[in-house]
């Protein structure tokens, strides 16, 4: 029921934190994994294919699809991990709404919304032709709720989580529902993972403050989303589409 052997699964943003984790996970599950990223070298193996590709470019994604079909076969799974997630104090900006740069806003929307749309449109359409596929989009608790900006303040300096991240992750939630209905008769399922904060290289003060806001009292470990990914890609979730799976340690339950 949860067998992914020989499934051809595309992962965008494959050189990022989640992208690397899910690539390794699916290779270990016996899938044939296609890793797409702007910052990756073109390599082809028997069970993996890494391709330099830009999710904001339809031309780039169509070229990638042609190579995938030629070297592997039609994709049966897609995980949209590619995303811009600027830190609140990136480039020493406070990211206050009143002065927020439209250039930064557009960059985030291009990758986080346009990029997911194009990836779904191009790869999902191919799955629909074959009447088989599962797509996982990645949203965030900040797509459901406003960030608690107090977590990002440092002493008297007030930093804010950029507004474009929240808007983009909220858009993904309804994009997922739209596509799930649109492709339901074509046997392509589309679901959404809504994730809480992952512990990586954050400073101890932030980790402490964030953990205090979580009922389970900590940030997520990177491998704690693995089972959900296998479930959503496999036949185990055959009656699940248009759904939001929230994995956040209880953050949204307060």
Protein backbone atom coordinates (compact mmCIF):
# COMPACT_ATOMS: atom_id res chain seq x y z
CA UNK A 1 0.00 0.00 0.00
CA UNK A 2 2.88 2.37 0.71
CA UNK A 3 5.19 0.99 -1.96
CA UNK A 4 6.86 3.67 -4.12
CA UNK A 5 9.13 1.33 -6.06
CA UNK A 6 9.82 2.62 -9.57
CA UNK A 7 7.50 5.60 -9.22
CA UNK A 8 8.98 8.65 -10.98
CA UNK A 9 8.80 11.51 -8.51
CA UNK A 10 9.88 15.09 -9.19
CA UNK A 11 11.12 17.31 -6.37
CA UNK A 12 11.51 21.04 -7.03
CA UNK A 13 13.88 23.00 -4.83
CA UNK A 14 15.84 19.77 -4.43
CA UNK A 15 18.97 21.45 -3.07
CA UNK A 16 17.07 23.05 -0.19
CA UNK A 17 16.50 21.73 3.32
CA UNK A 18 13.28 19.83 2.59
CA UNK A 19 14.29 19.00 -0.96
CA UNK A 20 17.41 17.14 0.13
CA UNK A 21 15.55 15.32 2.89
CA UNK A 22 12.73 14.15 0.61
CA UNK A 23 15.12 13.19 -2.19
CA UNK A 24 17.07 10.86 0.10
CA UNK A 25 13.85 9.54 1.64
CA UNK A 26 12.33 8.59 -1.71
CA UNK A 27 15.52 7.06 -3.06
CA UNK A 28 15.55 4.83 0.01
CA UNK A 29 11.93 3.94 -0.73
CA UNK A 30 12.90 2.64 -4.15
CA UNK A 31 11.47 5.52 -6.18
CA UNK A 32 13.14 7.03 -9.22
CA UNK A 33 13.76 10.59 -8.11
CA UNK A 34 14.08 13.65 -10.33
CA UNK A 35 15.71 16.56 -8.50
CA UNK A 36 15.10 20.01 -9.98
CA UNK A 37 16.83 23.19 -8.80
CA UNK A 38 18.58 26.26 -10.15
CA UNK A 39 21.59 25.33 -8.03
CA UNK A 40 22.21 21.74 -9.04
CA UNK A 41 24.41 19.88 -11.50
CA UNK A 42 22.96 17.78 -14.32
CA UNK A 43 23.55 14.13 -13.44
CA UNK A 44 21.78 10.94 -14.50
CA UNK A 45 21.79 7.64 -12.64
CA UNK A 46 19.65 4.53 -12.75
CA UNK A 47 17.41 5.77 -9.94
CA UNK A 48 17.97 9.53 -9.90
CA UNK A 49 18.16 12.44 -12.30
CA UNK A 50 19.28 15.89 -11.19
CA UNK A 51 18.47 18.73 -13.55
CA UNK A 52 19.21 22.43 -13.42
CA UNK A 53 15.82 24.06 -13.87
CA UNK A 54 14.00 27.30 -13.01
CA UNK A 55 10.49 26.88 -11.63
CA UNK A 56 9.57 30.43 -12.63
CA UNK A 57 10.16 29.61 -16.31
CA UNK A 58 7.64 27.53 -18.24
CA UNK A 59 10.24 26.97 -20.96
CA UNK A 60 12.74 25.59 -18.44
CA UNK A 61 10.16 23.24 -16.90
CA UNK A 62 8.96 21.98 -20.28
CA UNK A 63 12.55 21.24 -21.26
CA UNK A 64 12.99 19.34 -17.99
CA UNK A 65 9.82 17.33 -18.65
CA UNK A 66 11.06 16.30 -22.10
CA UNK A 67 14.35 15.08 -20.61
CA UNK A 68 12.56 13.21 -17.83
CA UNK A 69 10.27 11.40 -20.27
CA UNK A 70 13.21 10.57 -22.52
CA UNK A 71 15.48 9.22 -19.77
CA UNK A 72 12.93 7.86 -17.27
CA UNK A 73 9.22 7.96 -18.07
CA UNK A 74 6.15 10.07 -17.34
CA UNK A 75 6.28 11.42 -13.77
CA UNK A 76 3.80 9.97 -11.29
CA UNK A 77 4.58 12.23 -8.34
CA UNK A 78 5.56 15.83 -7.63
CA UNK A 79 6.65 17.59 -4.46
CA UNK A 80 6.87 21.37 -4.71
CA UNK A 81 9.63 22.31 -2.26
CA UNK A 82 11.06 25.31 -4.13
CA UNK A 83 10.43 28.46 -2.09
CA UNK A 84 11.81 31.81 -1.03
CA UNK A 85 11.80 32.20 2.75
CA UNK A 86 13.73 35.31 3.72
CA UNK A 87 14.78 35.70 7.34
CA UNK A 88 13.22 38.62 9.20
CA UNK A 89 16.54 40.46 9.48
CA UNK A 90 17.85 39.58 6.01
CA UNK A 91 20.26 42.20 4.66
CA UNK A 92 19.77 44.14 7.89
CA UNK A 93 16.22 45.07 6.89
CA UNK A 94 13.51 45.17 9.50
CA UNK A 95 10.92 44.09 6.88
CA UNK A 96 8.37 46.52 8.27
CA UNK A 97 5.24 46.61 6.15
CA UNK A 98 5.34 50.38 5.65
CA UNK A 99 8.66 50.22 3.81
CA UNK A 100 8.60 46.73 2.35
CA UNK A 101 10.17 46.44 -1.09
CA UNK A 102 7.88 45.49 -3.97
CA UNK A 103 10.97 43.93 -5.59
CA UNK A 104 11.36 41.52 -2.68
CA UNK A 105 7.61 40.88 -2.68
CA UNK A 106 7.62 40.00 -6.38
CA UNK A 107 10.63 37.69 -6.02
CA UNK A 108 8.84 35.67 -3.35
CA UNK A 109 5.57 35.51 -5.26
CA UNK A 110 7.34 34.46 -8.46
CA UNK A 111 8.91 31.41 -6.81
CA UNK A 112 6.36 30.51 -4.14
CA UNK A 113 3.18 30.97 -6.18
CA UNK A 114 4.03 31.25 -9.88
CA UNK A 115 6.65 28.52 -9.56
CA UNK A 116 4.26 26.11 -7.86
CA UNK A 117 1.52 26.90 -10.37
CA UNK A 118 3.81 26.29 -13.36
CA UNK A 119 5.21 23.07 -11.90
CA UNK A 120 1.69 21.77 -11.25
CA UNK A 121 0.46 22.93 -14.64
CA UNK A 122 3.27 21.32 -16.65
CA UNK A 123 3.93 18.13 -14.71
CA UNK A 124 0.36 17.68 -13.49
CA UNK A 125 -1.03 17.96 -17.01
CA UNK A 126 1.27 15.15 -18.08
CA UNK A 127 0.10 13.01 -15.16
CA UNK A 128 -3.53 13.73 -16.07
CA UNK A 129 -2.92 12.44 -19.61
CA UNK A 130 -1.74 9.15 -18.09
CA UNK A 131 -4.50 9.25 -15.45
CA UNK A 132 -2.11 8.69 -12.58
CA UNK A 133 -0.39 11.09 -10.20
CA UNK A 134 0.00 12.56 -6.76
CA UNK A 135 1.11 16.13 -6.09
CA UNK A 136 2.24 17.47 -2.73
CA UNK A 137 2.38 21.21 -2.24
CA UNK A 138 4.17 22.68 0.75
CA UNK A 139 2.51 25.43 2.75
CA UNK A 140 3.16 26.76 6.25
CA UNK A 141 1.41 27.60 9.47
CA UNK A 142 2.06 31.18 8.36
CA UNK A 143 -0.33 30.53 5.48
CA UNK A 144 -3.07 29.92 8.06
CA UNK A 145 -2.13 32.35 10.81
CA UNK A 146 -0.17 35.54 11.11
CA UNK A 147 3.41 35.12 12.31
CA UNK A 148 4.04 36.01 15.94
CA UNK A 149 6.50 38.80 15.20
CA UNK A 150 7.63 38.92 18.82
CA UNK A 151 9.66 35.79 18.10
CA UNK A 152 11.89 37.78 15.78
CA UNK A 153 12.57 40.80 17.95
CA UNK A 154 16.08 41.07 19.32
CA UNK A 155 16.19 43.28 22.37
CA UNK A 156 15.09 46.76 21.34
CA UNK A 157 15.39 45.92 17.63
CA UNK A 158 12.10 44.88 16.08
CA UNK A 159 12.22 42.58 13.08
CA UNK A 160 9.22 41.22 11.20
CA UNK A 161 8.60 38.07 9.19
CA UNK A 162 8.11 39.34 5.60
CA UNK A 163 4.47 39.63 4.59
CA UNK A 164 5.03 38.09 1.16
CA UNK A 165 5.86 34.70 2.68
CA UNK A 166 2.50 34.53 4.47
CA UNK A 167 0.57 35.65 1.40
CA UNK A 168 2.31 33.12 -0.82
CA UNK A 169 1.76 30.21 1.55
CA UNK A 170 -1.89 31.12 1.94
CA UNK A 171 -2.27 31.14 -1.85
CA UNK A 172 -0.87 27.60 -2.03
CA UNK A 173 -3.68 26.31 0.16
CA UNK A 174 -6.42 27.33 -2.27
CA UNK A 175 -4.33 26.49 -5.34
CA UNK A 176 -4.16 22.95 -3.98
CA UNK A 177 -7.92 22.74 -3.51
CA UNK A 178 -8.60 24.12 -6.98
CA UNK A 179 -6.28 21.63 -8.68
CA UNK A 180 -7.59 18.70 -6.64
CA UNK A 181 -11.11 19.30 -7.94
CA UNK A 182 -9.97 20.10 -11.47
CA UNK A 183 -7.99 16.86 -11.87
CA UNK A 184 -10.12 14.55 -9.72
CA UNK A 185 -11.61 12.74 -12.72
CA UNK A 186 -8.14 12.38 -14.24
CA UNK A 187 -6.89 10.40 -11.22
CA UNK A 188 -4.40 13.07 -10.16
CA UNK A 189 -4.57 13.77 -6.44
CA UNK A 190 -3.33 17.08 -5.02
CA UNK A 191 -2.74 17.59 -1.31
CA UNK A 192 -1.06 20.15 0.87
CA UNK A 193 1.41 19.80 3.73
CA UNK A 194 1.18 22.68 6.21
CA UNK A 195 4.37 22.63 8.22
CA UNK A 196 5.59 24.21 11.39
CA UNK A 197 9.10 25.49 12.03
CA UNK A 198 12.02 23.13 11.48
CA UNK A 199 15.03 23.24 13.76
CA UNK A 200 18.17 23.90 11.76
CA UNK A 201 20.66 26.70 12.33
CA UNK A 202 18.52 29.21 14.25
CA UNK A 203 20.01 30.93 17.27
CA UNK A 204 19.21 29.47 20.68
CA UNK A 205 17.09 32.42 21.77
CA UNK A 206 14.77 32.07 18.77
CA UNK A 207 14.48 28.28 19.24
CA UNK A 208 13.56 28.82 22.90
CA UNK A 209 10.90 31.44 22.12
CA UNK A 210 9.45 29.41 19.26
CA UNK A 211 9.35 26.22 21.32
CA UNK A 212 7.44 28.03 24.07
CA UNK A 213 4.68 28.71 21.53
CA UNK A 214 4.33 25.02 20.60
CA UNK A 215 2.22 22.60 22.69
CA UNK A 216 4.81 19.84 22.15
CA UNK A 217 7.45 22.26 23.37
CA UNK A 218 9.94 22.10 20.50
CA UNK A 219 10.57 22.73 16.81
CA UNK A 220 10.22 19.93 14.27
CA UNK A 221 13.04 17.58 13.35
CA UNK A 222 13.61 17.39 9.63
CA UNK A 223 12.68 13.72 9.35
CA UNK A 224 9.31 14.13 11.08
CA UNK A 225 7.56 14.87 7.77
CA UNK A 226 8.86 11.74 6.02
CA UNK A 227 5.94 9.46 6.82
CA UNK A 228 3.44 12.04 5.59
CA UNK A 229 5.27 12.34 2.26
CA UNK A 230 5.31 8.57 1.71
CA UNK A 231 1.63 8.37 2.67
CA UNK A 232 0.52 11.16 0.33
CA UNK A 233 2.49 9.83 -2.63
CA UNK A 234 1.40 6.24 -2.19
CA UNK A 235 -1.82 4.25 -2.67
CA UNK A 236 -2.27 4.49 1.09
CA UNK A 237 -3.87 7.90 0.55
CA UNK A 238 -5.90 6.90 -2.51
CA UNK A 239 -9.09 8.49 -1.12
CA UNK A 240 -7.39 11.73 -0.12
CA UNK A 241 -7.29 14.83 -2.29
CA UNK A 242 -7.71 18.55 -1.72
CA UNK A 243 -6.70 18.09 1.91
CA UNK A 244 -4.45 20.05 4.24
CA UNK A 245 -2.27 17.90 6.46
CA UNK A 246 -1.00 20.07 9.33
CA UNK A 247 2.21 18.96 11.04
CA UNK A 248 3.15 21.69 13.48
CA UNK A 249 3.51 20.25 16.98
CA UNK A 250 0.13 21.73 17.84
CA UNK A 251 0.97 25.37 17.00
CA UNK A 252 -2.40 25.96 15.29
CA UNK A 253 -4.34 24.19 18.05
CA UNK A 254 -3.95 26.91 20.71
